[in-house]
Amino acid sequence: MAATTTWTDPITCPFCGGELASPGAGFMDHIDENGDCETEFERWRQNLASDLTGEWSG
């Protein structure tokens, strides 16, 4: 995994560096199709959730 601390290119996956079809739905499609990226996204999301109150819709 090529995880970065700062996601600076919205058409590149921050976890593997792969090109995305689009920054929104394309990213979601990408993580649905790539188990390693989905795992890293869920790990990132869990870490972020502890910084936010309640659940977030992102």
N, C-alpha and C. Protein backbone atom coordinates (compact mmCIF):
# COMPACT_ATOMS: atom_id res chain seq x y z
N MET A 1 0.84 -1.18 0.00
CA MET A 1 0.00 0.00 0.00
C MET A 1 0.88 1.24 0.00
N ALA A 2 0.45 2.22 -0.75
CA ALA A 2 1.19 3.47 -0.86
C ALA A 2 0.48 4.57 -0.08
N ALA A 3 0.02 4.25 1.11
CA ALA A 3 -0.74 5.23 1.90
C ALA A 3 0.09 6.48 2.15
N THR A 4 -0.58 7.60 2.02
CA THR A 4 0.07 8.88 2.26
C THR A 4 -0.62 9.58 3.42
N THR A 5 0.04 10.55 4.00
CA THR A 5 -0.58 11.29 5.09
C THR A 5 -1.45 12.41 4.56
N THR A 6 -1.24 12.83 3.32
CA THR A 6 -2.02 13.90 2.72
C THR A 6 -2.48 13.47 1.34
N TRP A 7 -3.77 13.51 1.12
CA TRP A 7 -4.33 13.13 -0.17
C TRP A 7 -4.40 14.39 -1.01
N THR A 8 -3.49 14.54 -1.98
CA THR A 8 -3.41 15.78 -2.74
C THR A 8 -3.95 15.67 -4.15
N ASP A 9 -4.21 14.46 -4.64
CA ASP A 9 -4.69 14.27 -6.01
C ASP A 9 -6.00 13.50 -5.96
N PRO A 10 -7.14 14.16 -6.18
CA PRO A 10 -8.43 13.50 -6.00
C PRO A 10 -8.74 12.42 -7.03
N ILE A 11 -7.94 12.27 -8.07
CA ILE A 11 -8.18 11.19 -9.02
C ILE A 11 -7.18 10.05 -8.88
N THR A 12 -6.46 10.04 -7.76
CA THR A 12 -5.53 8.96 -7.44
C THR A 12 -5.88 8.41 -6.06
N CYS A 13 -5.96 7.09 -5.96
CA CYS A 13 -6.26 6.46 -4.67
C CYS A 13 -5.12 6.75 -3.69
N PRO A 14 -5.44 7.27 -2.51
CA PRO A 14 -4.40 7.57 -1.53
C PRO A 14 -3.78 6.31 -0.91
N PHE A 15 -4.39 5.17 -1.13
CA PHE A 15 -3.92 3.94 -0.52
C PHE A 15 -3.02 3.12 -1.44
N CYS A 16 -3.34 3.08 -2.74
CA CYS A 16 -2.53 2.28 -3.65
C CYS A 16 -1.89 3.10 -4.77
N GLY A 17 -2.35 4.35 -4.94
CA GLY A 17 -1.81 5.19 -6.00
C GLY A 17 -2.47 4.96 -7.34
N GLY A 18 -3.48 4.09 -7.38
CA GLY A 18 -4.18 3.80 -8.63
C GLY A 18 -5.04 4.97 -9.09
N GLU A 19 -5.24 5.05 -10.40
CA GLU A 19 -6.06 6.12 -10.97
C GLU A 19 -7.54 5.81 -10.74
N LEU A 20 -8.30 6.84 -10.39
CA LEU A 20 -9.73 6.72 -10.14
C LEU A 20 -10.52 7.30 -11.31
N ALA A 21 -11.68 6.73 -11.58
CA ALA A 21 -12.53 7.25 -12.65
C ALA A 21 -13.06 8.64 -12.30
N SER A 22 -13.28 8.88 -11.02
CA SER A 22 -13.72 10.19 -10.53
C SER A 22 -13.41 10.26 -9.04
N PRO A 23 -13.33 11.46 -8.47
CA PRO A 23 -12.98 11.58 -7.06
C PRO A 23 -14.07 11.09 -6.11
N GLY A 24 -15.31 11.08 -6.50
CA GLY A 24 -16.40 10.67 -5.62
C GLY A 24 -16.81 9.23 -5.82
N ALA A 25 -17.74 9.02 -6.75
CA ALA A 25 -18.24 7.68 -7.03
C ALA A 25 -17.12 6.76 -7.52
N GLY A 26 -16.17 7.30 -8.25
CA GLY A 26 -15.05 6.50 -8.73
C GLY A 26 -14.22 5.95 -7.59
N PHE A 27 -14.05 6.74 -6.53
CA PHE A 27 -13.31 6.27 -5.36
C PHE A 27 -14.07 5.15 -4.67
N MET A 28 -15.39 5.33 -4.52
CA MET A 28 -16.20 4.30 -3.87
C MET A 28 -16.19 3.01 -4.68
N ASP A 29 -16.29 3.11 -6.00
CA ASP A 29 -16.20 1.93 -6.86
C ASP A 29 -14.85 1.25 -6.70
N HIS A 30 -13.80 2.06 -6.63
CA HIS A 30 -12.44 1.54 -6.50
C HIS A 30 -12.28 0.74 -5.21
N ILE A 31 -12.74 1.27 -4.09
CA ILE A 31 -12.56 0.53 -2.84
C ILE A 31 -13.46 -0.70 -2.79
N ASP A 32 -14.62 -0.65 -3.47
CA ASP A 32 -15.47 -1.84 -3.55
C ASP A 32 -14.79 -2.96 -4.32
N GLU A 33 -13.95 -2.60 -5.28
CA GLU A 33 -13.29 -3.58 -6.15
C GLU A 33 -11.90 -3.97 -5.66
N ASN A 34 -11.36 -3.28 -4.66
CA ASN A 34 -10.01 -3.52 -4.17
C ASN A 34 -10.03 -3.70 -2.66
N GLY A 35 -9.95 -4.95 -2.24
CA GLY A 35 -10.06 -5.28 -0.82
C GLY A 35 -9.02 -4.59 0.06
N ASP A 36 -7.77 -4.49 -0.43
CA ASP A 36 -6.74 -3.85 0.38
C ASP A 36 -7.05 -2.37 0.60
N CYS A 37 -7.52 -1.70 -0.45
CA CYS A 37 -7.86 -0.28 -0.33
C CYS A 37 -9.08 -0.10 0.57
N GLU A 38 -10.04 -1.01 0.46
CA GLU A 38 -11.22 -0.93 1.32
C GLU A 38 -10.82 -1.09 2.79
N THR A 39 -9.92 -2.01 3.07
CA THR A 39 -9.44 -2.21 4.43
C THR A 39 -8.77 -0.95 4.95
N GLU A 40 -7.91 -0.36 4.14
CA GLU A 40 -7.21 0.86 4.55
C GLU A 40 -8.18 2.02 4.72
N PHE A 41 -9.19 2.12 3.86
CA PHE A 41 -10.20 3.17 3.98
C PHE A 41 -10.97 3.01 5.29
N GLU A 42 -11.37 1.78 5.61
CA GLU A 42 -12.11 1.55 6.86
C GLU A 42 -11.25 1.86 8.07
N ARG A 43 -9.97 1.54 8.00
CA ARG A 43 -9.05 1.88 9.10
C ARG A 43 -8.96 3.39 9.25
N TRP A 44 -8.82 4.10 8.14
CA TRP A 44 -8.76 5.56 8.16
C TRP A 44 -10.05 6.13 8.73
N ARG A 45 -11.18 5.58 8.29
CA ARG A 45 -12.48 6.07 8.73
C ARG A 45 -12.67 5.86 10.24
N GLN A 46 -12.24 4.72 10.75
CA GLN A 46 -12.34 4.47 12.18
C GLN A 46 -11.47 5.45 12.98
N ASN A 47 -10.29 5.73 12.48
CA ASN A 47 -9.42 6.70 13.15
C ASN A 47 -10.04 8.09 13.15
N LEU A 48 -10.65 8.46 12.05
CA LEU A 48 -11.28 9.77 11.93
C LEU A 48 -12.52 9.87 12.82
N ALA A 49 -13.28 8.78 12.91
CA ALA A 49 -14.53 8.79 13.68
C ALA A 49 -14.30 9.18 15.13
N SER A 50 -13.14 8.82 15.68
CA SER A 50 -12.89 9.16 17.08
C SER A 50 -12.66 10.67 17.25
N ASP A 51 -12.38 11.37 16.16
CA ASP A 51 -12.18 12.82 16.22
C ASP A 51 -13.47 13.61 16.01
N LEU A 52 -14.53 12.93 15.56
CA LEU A 52 -15.80 13.59 15.27
C LEU A 52 -16.85 13.12 16.26
N THR A 53 -17.80 14.00 16.56
CA THR A 53 -18.90 13.60 17.43
C THR A 53 -19.99 12.98 16.59
N GLY A 54 -20.49 11.85 17.00
CA GLY A 54 -21.54 11.17 16.25
C GLY A 54 -21.00 10.55 14.98
N GLU A 55 -21.89 10.01 14.17
CA GLU A 55 -21.52 9.37 12.91
C GLU A 55 -21.48 10.44 11.82
N TRP A 56 -20.64 10.22 10.85
CA TRP A 56 -20.57 11.14 9.72
C TRP A 56 -21.13 10.46 8.50
N SER A 57 -21.54 11.22 7.51
CA SER A 57 -22.21 10.66 6.35
C SER A 57 -21.25 10.38 5.21
N GLY A 58 -19.96 10.73 5.35
CA GLY A 58 -18.99 10.55 4.27
C GLY A 58 -18.69 9.15 4.04
